[in-house]
PDB file of N, CA and C in Angstrom:
ATOM      1  N   UNK A   1      72.476  -9.962  59.398  1.00  0.00           N
ATOM      2  CA  UNK A   1      72.996 -10.237  58.023  1.00  0.00           C
ATOM      3  C   UNK A   1      72.013 -11.012  57.229  1.00  0.00           C
ATOM      4  N   UNK A   2      71.351 -12.010  57.859  1.00  0.00           N
ATOM      5  CA  UNK A   2      70.413 -12.822  57.171  1.00  0.00           C
ATOM      6  C   UNK A   2      69.206 -11.952  56.672  1.00  0.00           C
ATOM      7  N   UNK A   3      68.728 -10.999  57.444  1.00  0.00           N
ATOM      8  CA  UNK A   3      67.625 -10.127  57.087  1.00  0.00           C
ATOM      9  C   UNK A   3      68.070  -9.297  55.914  1.00  0.00           C
ATOM     10  N   UNK A   4      69.257  -8.824  55.857  1.00  0.00           N
ATOM     11  CA  UNK A   4      69.691  -8.018  54.747  1.00  0.00           C
ATOM     12  C   UNK A   4      69.788  -8.792  53.493  1.00  0.00           C
ATOM     13  N   UNK A   5      70.158 -10.045  53.503  1.00  0.00           N
ATOM     14  CA  UNK A   5      70.190 -10.880  52.292  1.00  0.00           C
ATOM     15  C   UNK A   5      68.726 -11.180  51.794  1.00  0.00           C
ATOM     16  N   UNK A   6      67.809 -11.389  52.692  1.00  0.00           N
ATOM     17  CA  UNK A   6      66.442 -11.618  52.392  1.00  0.00           C
ATOM     18  C   UNK A   6      65.779 -10.397  51.776  1.00  0.00           C
ATOM     19  N   UNK A   7      66.046  -9.220  52.338  1.00  0.00           N
ATOM     20  CA  UNK A   7      65.527  -7.957  51.865  1.00  0.00           C
ATOM     21  C   UNK A   7      66.128  -7.670  50.470  1.00  0.00           C
ATOM     22  N   UNK A   8      67.382  -7.905  50.277  1.00  0.00           N
ATOM     23  CA  UNK A   8      68.038  -7.736  48.924  1.00  0.00           C
ATOM     24  C   UNK A   8      67.456  -8.662  47.926  1.00  0.00           C
ATOM     25  N   UNK A   9      67.207  -9.907  48.288  1.00  0.00           N
ATOM     26  CA  UNK A   9      66.625 -10.891  47.337  1.00  0.00           C
ATOM     27  C   UNK A   9      65.226 -10.476  46.992  1.00  0.00           C
ATOM     28  N   UNK A  10      64.446 -10.030  47.896  1.00  0.00           N
ATOM     29  CA  UNK A  10      63.053  -9.537  47.618  1.00  0.00           C
ATOM     30  C   UNK A  10      63.115  -8.288  46.723  1.00  0.00           C
ATOM     31  N   UNK A  11      64.005  -7.407  46.953  1.00  0.00           N
ATOM     32  CA  UNK A  11      64.147  -6.263  46.119  1.00  0.00           C
ATOM     33  C   UNK A  11      64.517  -6.556  44.673  1.00  0.00           C
ATOM     34  N   UNK A  12      65.364  -7.545  44.507  1.00  0.00           N
ATOM     35  CA  UNK A  12      65.801  -7.989  43.156  1.00  0.00           C
ATOM     36  C   UNK A  12      64.674  -8.649  42.437  1.00  0.00           C
ATOM     37  N   UNK A  13      63.791  -9.425  43.157  1.00  0.00           N
ATOM     38  CA  UNK A  13      62.772 -10.136  42.464  1.00  0.00           C
ATOM     39  C   UNK A  13      61.523  -9.281  42.245  1.00  0.00           C
ATOM     40  N   UNK A  14      61.152  -8.425  43.209  1.00  0.00           N
ATOM     41  CA  UNK A  14      59.966  -7.632  43.184  1.00  0.00           C
ATOM     42  C   UNK A  14      60.204  -6.344  42.538  1.00  0.00           C
ATOM     43  N   UNK A  15      61.343  -5.762  42.560  1.00  0.00           N
ATOM     44  CA  UNK A  15      61.620  -4.441  42.024  1.00  0.00           C
ATOM     45  C   UNK A  15      61.233  -4.244  40.582  1.00  0.00           C
ATOM     46  N   UNK A  16      61.716  -5.138  39.660  1.00  0.00           N
ATOM     47  CA  UNK A  16      61.350  -5.023  38.216  1.00  0.00           C
ATOM     48  C   UNK A  16      59.795  -5.147  37.997  1.00  0.00           C
ATOM     49  N   UNK A  17      59.134  -5.994  38.800  1.00  0.00           N
ATOM     50  CA  UNK A  17      57.697  -6.132  38.588  1.00  0.00           C
ATOM     51  C   UNK A  17      56.988  -4.883  38.984  1.00  0.00           C
ATOM     52  N   UNK A  18      57.365  -4.279  40.049  1.00  0.00           N
ATOM     53  CA  UNK A  18      56.686  -2.997  40.566  1.00  0.00           C
ATOM     54  C   UNK A  18      57.025  -1.836  39.585  1.00  0.00           C
ATOM     55  N   UNK A  19      58.240  -1.826  39.066  1.00  0.00           N
ATOM     56  CA  UNK A  19      58.684  -0.665  38.213  1.00  0.00           C
ATOM     57  C   UNK A  19      58.242  -0.850  36.789  1.00  0.00           C
ATOM     58  N   UNK A  20      57.654  -1.943  36.370  1.00  0.00           N
ATOM     59  CA  UNK A  20      57.244  -2.175  35.026  1.00  0.00           C
ATOM     60  C   UNK A  20      56.095  -1.294  34.632  1.00  0.00           C
ATOM     61  N   UNK A  21      56.003  -0.843  33.387  1.00  0.00           N
ATOM     62  CA  UNK A  21      54.917   0.013  32.960  1.00  0.00           C
ATOM     63  C   UNK A  21      53.666  -0.809  32.905  1.00  0.00           C
ATOM     64  N   UNK A  22      52.548  -0.221  33.109  1.00  0.00           N
ATOM     65  CA  UNK A  22      51.319  -0.956  33.010  1.00  0.00           C
ATOM     66  C   UNK A  22      50.997  -1.279  31.609  1.00  0.00           C
ATOM     67  N   UNK A  23      50.279  -2.444  31.322  1.00  0.00           N
ATOM     68  CA  UNK A  23      49.975  -2.760  29.920  1.00  0.00           C
ATOM     69  C   UNK A  23      49.182  -1.684  29.190  1.00  0.00           C
ATOM     70  N   UNK A  24      49.503  -1.514  27.966  1.00  0.00           N
ATOM     71  CA  UNK A  24      48.845  -0.453  27.205  1.00  0.00           C
ATOM     72  C   UNK A  24      47.548  -1.038  26.576  1.00  0.00           C
ATOM     73  N   UNK A  25      46.536  -0.227  26.396  1.00  0.00           N
ATOM     74  CA  UNK A  25      45.282  -0.693  25.835  1.00  0.00           C
ATOM     75  C   UNK A  25      45.516  -1.079  24.373  1.00  0.00           C
ATOM     76  N   UNK A  26      44.731  -2.041  23.969  1.00  0.00           N
ATOM     77  CA  UNK A  26      44.790  -2.488  22.579  1.00  0.00           C
ATOM     78  C   UNK A  26      44.422  -1.348  21.598  1.00  0.00           C
ATOM     79  N   UNK A  27      45.059  -1.246  20.505  1.00  0.00           N
ATOM     80  CA  UNK A  27      44.761  -0.216  19.574  1.00  0.00           C
ATOM     81  C   UNK A  27      43.381  -0.370  19.018  1.00  0.00           C
ATOM     82  N   UNK A  28      42.715   0.774  18.757  1.00  0.00           N
ATOM     83  CA  UNK A  28      41.308   0.761  18.255  1.00  0.00           C
ATOM     84  C   UNK A  28      41.319   0.225  16.857  1.00  0.00           C
ATOM     85  N   UNK A  29      40.330  -0.608  16.566  1.00  0.00           N
ATOM     86  CA  UNK A  29      40.202  -1.210  15.290  1.00  0.00           C
ATOM     87  C   UNK A  29      39.866  -0.158  14.241  1.00  0.00           C
ATOM     88  N   UNK A  30      40.627  -0.094  13.149  1.00  0.00           N
ATOM     89  CA  UNK A  30      40.339   0.944  12.143  1.00  0.00           C
ATOM     90  C   UNK A  30      39.066   0.540  11.407  1.00  0.00           C
ATOM     91  N   UNK A  31      38.413   1.594  10.822  1.00  0.00           N
ATOM     92  CA  UNK A  31      37.181   1.310  10.092  1.00  0.00           C
ATOM     93  C   UNK A  31      37.446   0.525   8.842  1.00  0.00           C
ATOM     94  N   UNK A  32      36.478  -0.269   8.369  1.00  0.00           N
ATOM     95  CA  UNK A  32      36.637  -1.009   7.089  1.00  0.00           C
ATOM     96  C   UNK A  32      36.474   0.014   5.960  1.00  0.00           C
ATOM     97  N   UNK A  33      37.312  -0.166   4.953  1.00  0.00           N
ATOM     98  CA  UNK A  33      37.298   0.829   3.828  1.00  0.00           C
ATOM     99  C   UNK A  33      36.675   0.306   2.549  1.00  0.00           C
ATOM    100  N   UNK A  34      36.045  -0.859   2.571  1.00  0.00           N
ATOM    101  CA  UNK A  34      35.504  -1.399   1.384  1.00  0.00           C
ATOM    102  C   UNK A  34      33.958  -1.492   1.519  1.00  0.00           C
ATOM    103  N   UNK A  35      33.339  -2.122   0.465  1.00  0.00           N
ATOM    104  CA  UNK A  35      31.888  -2.250   0.469  1.00  0.00           C
ATOM    105  C   UNK A  35      31.444  -3.506   1.205  1.00  0.00           C
ATOM    106  N   UNK A  36      32.333  -4.371   1.597  1.00  0.00           N
ATOM    107  CA  UNK A  36      31.931  -5.624   2.327  1.00  0.00           C
ATOM    108  C   UNK A  36      32.173  -5.357   3.839  1.00  0.00           C
ATOM    109  N   UNK A  37      31.033  -5.471   4.609  1.00  0.00           N
ATOM    110  CA  UNK A  37      31.211  -5.274   6.076  1.00  0.00           C
ATOM    111  C   UNK A  37      31.712  -6.537   6.718  1.00  0.00           C
ATOM    112  N   UNK A  38      32.909  -6.614   7.114  1.00  0.00           N
ATOM    113  CA  UNK A  38      33.516  -7.812   7.749  1.00  0.00           C
ATOM    114  C   UNK A  38      33.176  -7.742   9.249  1.00  0.00           C
ATOM    115  N   UNK A  39      32.865  -8.928   9.790  1.00  0.00           N
ATOM    116  CA  UNK A  39      32.659  -9.029  11.245  1.00  0.00           C
ATOM    117  C   UNK A  39      33.938  -9.521  11.899  1.00  0.00           C
ATOM    118  N   UNK A  40      34.120  -9.193  13.124  1.00  0.00           N
ATOM    119  CA  UNK A  40      35.340  -9.631  13.868  1.00  0.00           C
ATOM    120  C   UNK A  40      34.950 -10.581  14.987  1.00  0.00           C
ATOM    121  N   UNK A  41      33.685 -10.792  15.221  1.00  0.00           N
ATOM    122  CA  UNK A  41      33.207 -11.701  16.212  1.00  0.00           C
ATOM    123  C   UNK A  41      32.698 -13.025  15.571  1.00  0.00           C
ATOM    124  N   UNK A  42      33.445 -14.148  15.730  1.00  0.00           N
ATOM    125  CA  UNK A  42      33.126 -15.347  14.980  1.00  0.00           C
ATOM    126  C   UNK A  42      31.697 -15.836  15.244  1.00  0.00           C
ATOM    127  N   UNK A  43      31.254 -15.828  16.569  1.00  0.00           N
ATOM    128  CA  UNK A  43      29.872 -16.324  16.813  1.00  0.00           C
ATOM    129  C   UNK A  43      28.840 -15.482  16.135  1.00  0.00           C
ATOM    130  N   UNK A  44      29.012 -14.175  16.113  1.00  0.00           N
ATOM    131  CA  UNK A  44      28.058 -13.225  15.427  1.00  0.00           C
ATOM    132  C   UNK A  44      28.106 -13.530  13.975  1.00  0.00           C
ATOM    133  N   UNK A  45      29.218 -13.759  13.347  1.00  0.00           N
ATOM    134  CA  UNK A  45      29.300 -14.006  11.962  1.00  0.00           C
ATOM    135  C   UNK A  45      28.670 -15.309  11.566  1.00  0.00           C
ATOM    136  N   UNK A  46      28.768 -16.364  12.376  1.00  0.00           N
ATOM    137  CA  UNK A  46      28.138 -17.617  12.153  1.00  0.00           C
ATOM    138  C   UNK A  46      26.630 -17.412  12.168  1.00  0.00           C
ATOM    139  N   UNK A  47      26.200 -16.734  13.154  1.00  0.00           N
ATOM    140  CA  UNK A  47      24.726 -16.511  13.282  1.00  0.00           C
ATOM    141  C   UNK A  47      24.199 -15.750  12.068  1.00  0.00           C
ATOM    142  N   UNK A  48      24.922 -14.730  11.636  1.00  0.00           N
ATOM    143  CA  UNK A  48      24.464 -13.963  10.497  1.00  0.00           C
ATOM    144  C   UNK A  48      24.466 -14.765   9.233  1.00  0.00           C
ATOM    145  N   UNK A  49      25.429 -15.623   9.048  1.00  0.00           N
ATOM    146  CA  UNK A  49      25.550 -16.418   7.849  1.00  0.00           C
ATOM    147  C   UNK A  49      24.408 -17.397   7.827  1.00  0.00           C
ATOM    148  N   UNK A  50      24.156 -18.011   8.971  1.00  0.00           N
ATOM    149  CA  UNK A  50      23.009 -18.976   9.001  1.00  0.00           C
ATOM    150  C   UNK A  50      21.660 -18.236   8.780  1.00  0.00           C
ATOM    151  N   UNK A  51      21.483 -17.110   9.331  1.00  0.00           N
ATOM    152  CA  UNK A  51      20.269 -16.266   9.181  1.00  0.00           C
ATOM    153  C   UNK A  51      20.120 -15.916   7.677  1.00  0.00           C
ATOM    154  N   UNK A  52      21.151 -15.473   7.023  1.00  0.00           N
ATOM    155  CA  UNK A  52      21.109 -15.073   5.603  1.00  0.00           C
ATOM    156  C   UNK A  52      21.248 -16.309   4.635  1.00  0.00           C
ATOM    157  N   UNK A  53      21.475 -17.489   5.191  1.00  0.00           N
ATOM    158  CA  UNK A  53      21.643 -18.728   4.345  1.00  0.00           C
ATOM    159  C   UNK A  53      22.777 -18.450   3.323  1.00  0.00           C
ATOM    160  N   UNK A  54      23.933 -17.942   3.832  1.00  0.00           N
ATOM    161  CA  UNK A  54      25.115 -17.644   2.993  1.00  0.00           C
ATOM    162  C   UNK A  54      26.291 -18.419   3.545  1.00  0.00           C
ATOM    163  N   UNK A  55      27.233 -18.629   2.657  1.00  0.00           N
ATOM    164  CA  UNK A  55      28.516 -19.332   3.234  1.00  0.00           C
ATOM    165  C   UNK A  55      29.265 -18.303   4.111  1.00  0.00           C
ATOM    166  N   UNK A  56      30.107 -18.890   4.876  1.00  0.00           N
ATOM    167  CA  UNK A  56      30.967 -18.050   5.898  1.00  0.00           C
ATOM    168  C   UNK A  56      32.421 -18.115   5.356  1.00  0.00           C
ATOM    169  N   UNK A  57      33.057 -17.038   5.144  1.00  0.00           N
ATOM    170  CA  UNK A  57      34.456 -16.885   4.805  1.00  0.00           C
ATOM    171  C   UNK A  57      35.222 -16.457   6.070  1.00  0.00           C
ATOM    172  N   UNK A  58      36.159 -17.293   6.478  1.00  0.00           N
ATOM    173  CA  UNK A  58      36.984 -17.041   7.624  1.00  0.00           C
ATOM    174  C   UNK A  58      38.460 -16.816   7.271  1.00  0.00           C
ATOM    175  N   UNK A  59      38.938 -15.647   7.672  1.00  0.00           N
ATOM    176  CA  UNK A  59      40.308 -15.343   7.310  1.00  0.00           C
ATOM    177  C   UNK A  59      41.153 -15.232   8.593  1.00  0.00           C
ATOM    178  N   UNK A  60      42.211 -16.086   8.717  1.00  0.00           N
ATOM    179  CA  UNK A  60      43.127 -15.994   9.877  1.00  0.00           C
ATOM    180  C   UNK A  60      44.240 -15.160   9.444  1.00  0.00           C
ATOM    181  N   UNK A  61      44.455 -13.977   9.974  1.00  0.00           N
ATOM    182  CA  UNK A  61      45.515 -13.144   9.551  1.00  0.00           C
ATOM    183  C   UNK A  61      46.451 -12.910  10.756  1.00  0.00           C
ATOM    184  N   UNK A  62      47.751 -13.211  10.540  1.00  0.00           N
ATOM    185  CA  UNK A  62      48.759 -13.050  11.555  1.00  0.00           C
ATOM    186  C   UNK A  62      49.230 -11.608  11.570  1.00  0.00           C
ATOM    187  N   UNK A  63      49.099 -10.933  12.731  1.00  0.00           N
ATOM    188  CA  UNK A  63      49.533  -9.569  12.836  1.00  0.00           C
ATOM    189  C   UNK A  63      50.945  -9.630  13.583  1.00  0.00           C
ATOM    190  N   UNK A  64      51.971  -9.092  12.852  1.00  0.00           N
ATOM    191  CA  UNK A  64      53.285  -9.180  13.485  1.00  0.00           C
ATOM    192  C   UNK A  64      53.298  -8.262  14.730  1.00  0.00           C
ATOM    193  N   UNK A  65      54.096  -8.632  15.714  1.00  0.00           N
ATOM    194  CA  UNK A  65      54.198  -7.874  16.875  1.00  0.00           C
ATOM    195  C   UNK A  65      54.305  -8.649  17.986  1.00  0.00           C
TER     196      UNK A  65
END
């Protein structure tokens, strides 16, 4: 009886984890549609701004979901 309860407890805890769908890949970033080429890598943008001696504009945009 004890083994049955342990097996049932394991099935309840592990079952949903095993049956869950694998995580989906992140959606591909759409191409920029304007004349300004925005960078998405902060370190690369800082390096480029310092090289070009231009200010850096950083936009934090919350994506719902």
